[in-house]
Amino acid sequence: MSFDKILPDSFTESSESDPNEDESTLYECRQCGTKFESKPEQCSVCESEEIATYTFKPDPKEEAPNPEESDNQ
């Protein structure tokens, strides 16, 4: 069974990124779990070339708090 059937939409592997969306991406070695900010050719810890890519999308149901509203209380 593929991961896209198991994982929710907010936690799926990204094939293309839309520059208009507020996404964050995590790269992680599948062998040792080391995390990276950009995708390496291989893990600097265990030298594995199996690097997973996870893209996190904001939940459209959650709205960012308005800082002006919290100041008025």
C-alpha atoms as a PDB file:
ATOM      1  CA  MET A   1       0.000   0.000   0.000  1.00  0.00           C
ATOM      2  CA  SER A   2       1.409   3.407  -0.929  1.00  0.00           C
ATOM      3  CA  PHE A   3       1.971   6.147   1.636  1.00  0.00           C
ATOM      4  CA  ASP A   4      -0.448   8.535  -0.085  1.00  0.00           C
ATOM      5  CA  LYS A   5      -3.280   6.170   0.890  1.00  0.00           C
ATOM      6  CA  ILE A   6      -2.192   6.125   4.541  1.00  0.00           C
ATOM      7  CA  LEU A   7      -0.986   9.672   5.234  1.00  0.00           C
ATOM      8  CA  PRO A   8      -3.338  12.660   5.434  1.00  0.00           C
ATOM      9  CA  ASP A   9      -3.158  15.361   2.756  1.00  0.00           C
ATOM     10  CA  SER A  10      -1.163  17.645   5.053  1.00  0.00           C
ATOM     11  CA  PHE A  11       1.662  15.080   5.282  1.00  0.00           C
ATOM     12  CA  THR A  12       2.465  13.795   1.823  1.00  0.00           C
ATOM     13  CA  GLU A  13       5.478  13.624  -0.448  1.00  0.00           C
ATOM     14  CA  SER A  14       5.649  16.601  -2.751  1.00  0.00           C
ATOM     15  CA  SER A  15       6.278  16.298  -6.476  1.00  0.00           C
ATOM     16  CA  GLU A  16       5.788  19.985  -7.298  1.00  0.00           C
ATOM     17  CA  SER A  17       5.587  22.985  -5.034  1.00  0.00           C
ATOM     18  CA  ASP A  18       3.248  25.888  -5.588  1.00  0.00           C
ATOM     19  CA  PRO A  19       5.061  29.128  -4.711  1.00  0.00           C
ATOM     20  CA  ASN A  20       1.734  30.652  -3.632  1.00  0.00           C
ATOM     21  CA  GLU A  21       1.209  28.097  -0.865  1.00  0.00           C
ATOM     22  CA  ASP A  22       2.746  28.402   2.590  1.00  0.00           C
ATOM     23  CA  GLU A  23       4.480  25.035   2.787  1.00  0.00           C
ATOM     24  CA  SER A  24       7.427  23.722   4.738  1.00  0.00           C
ATOM     25  CA  THR A  25       9.547  20.791   3.663  1.00  0.00           C
ATOM     26  CA  LEU A  26      11.522  18.321   5.742  1.00  0.00           C
ATOM     27  CA  TYR A  27      14.175  15.970   4.395  1.00  0.00           C
ATOM     28  CA  GLU A  28      14.995  12.930   6.493  1.00  0.00           C
ATOM     29  CA  CYS A  29      17.354   9.984   6.109  1.00  0.00           C
ATOM     30  CA  ARG A  30      15.329   6.775   5.977  1.00  0.00           C
ATOM     31  CA  GLN A  31      18.181   4.802   7.549  1.00  0.00           C
ATOM     32  CA  CYS A  32      19.210   6.852  10.592  1.00  0.00           C
ATOM     33  CA  GLY A  33      16.555   9.589  10.867  1.00  0.00           C
ATOM     34  CA  THR A  34      18.895  12.568  10.463  1.00  0.00           C
ATOM     35  CA  LYS A  35      16.923  15.647   9.356  1.00  0.00           C
ATOM     36  CA  PHE A  36      18.068  18.197   6.763  1.00  0.00           C
ATOM     37  CA  GLU A  37      16.853  21.644   5.651  1.00  0.00           C
ATOM     38  CA  SER A  38      17.783  20.986   2.010  1.00  0.00           C
ATOM     39  CA  LYS A  39      17.885  17.682   0.161  1.00  0.00           C
ATOM     40  CA  PRO A  40      21.361  16.148   0.239  1.00  0.00           C
ATOM     41  CA  GLU A  41      22.696  13.621  -2.266  1.00  0.00           C
ATOM     42  CA  GLN A  42      23.413  11.317   0.668  1.00  0.00           C
ATOM     43  CA  CYS A  43      23.178  11.386   4.456  1.00  0.00           C
ATOM     44  CA  SER A  44      26.188  13.026   6.086  1.00  0.00           C
ATOM     45  CA  VAL A  45      25.872  10.663   9.078  1.00  0.00           C
ATOM     46  CA  CYS A  46      25.360   7.161   7.611  1.00  0.00           C
ATOM     47  CA  GLU A  47      26.030   7.884   3.904  1.00  0.00           C
ATOM     48  CA  SER A  48      22.666   6.424   2.843  1.00  0.00           C
ATOM     49  CA  GLU A  49      21.189   7.795  -0.383  1.00  0.00           C
ATOM     50  CA  GLU A  50      17.617   7.082   0.799  1.00  0.00           C
ATOM     51  CA  ILE A  51      16.346  10.545   1.708  1.00  0.00           C
ATOM     52  CA  ALA A  52      12.636  11.027   2.330  1.00  0.00           C
ATOM     53  CA  THR A  53      10.923  14.305   1.437  1.00  0.00           C
ATOM     54  CA  TYR A  54       7.934  15.456   3.498  1.00  0.00           C
ATOM     55  CA  THR A  55       5.957  18.574   2.656  1.00  0.00           C
ATOM     56  CA  PHE A  56       3.712  20.091   5.294  1.00  0.00           C
ATOM     57  CA  LYS A  57       0.804  22.196   4.121  1.00  0.00           C
ATOM     58  CA  PRO A  58      -1.113  24.517   6.456  1.00  0.00           C
ATOM     59  CA  ASP A  59      -4.511  23.302   7.560  1.00  0.00           C
ATOM     60  CA  PRO A  60      -7.077  25.524   5.783  1.00  0.00           C
ATOM     61  CA  LYS A  61      -9.428  25.105   8.762  1.00  0.00           C
ATOM     62  CA  GLU A  62      -6.963  26.814  11.086  1.00  0.00           C
ATOM     63  CA  GLU A  63      -6.740  30.563  10.745  1.00  0.00           C
ATOM     64  CA  ALA A  64      -3.707  32.491  11.882  1.00  0.00           C
ATOM     65  CA  PRO A  65      -4.467  34.550  14.996  1.00  0.00           C
ATOM     66  CA  ASN A  66      -4.840  38.260  14.469  1.00  0.00           C
ATOM     67  CA  PRO A  67      -2.298  40.012  16.749  1.00  0.00           C
ATOM     68  CA  GLU A  68      -4.439  43.170  16.845  1.00  0.00           C
ATOM     69  CA  GLU A  69      -7.340  41.249  18.404  1.00  0.00           C
ATOM     70  CA  SER A  70      -5.202  39.854  21.239  1.00  0.00           C
ATOM     71  CA  ASP A  71      -3.842  43.341  22.064  1.00  0.00           C
ATOM     72  CA  ASN A  72      -7.355  44.747  22.587  1.00  0.00           C
ATOM     73  CA  GLN A  73      -8.214  42.398  25.446  1.00  0.00           C
END
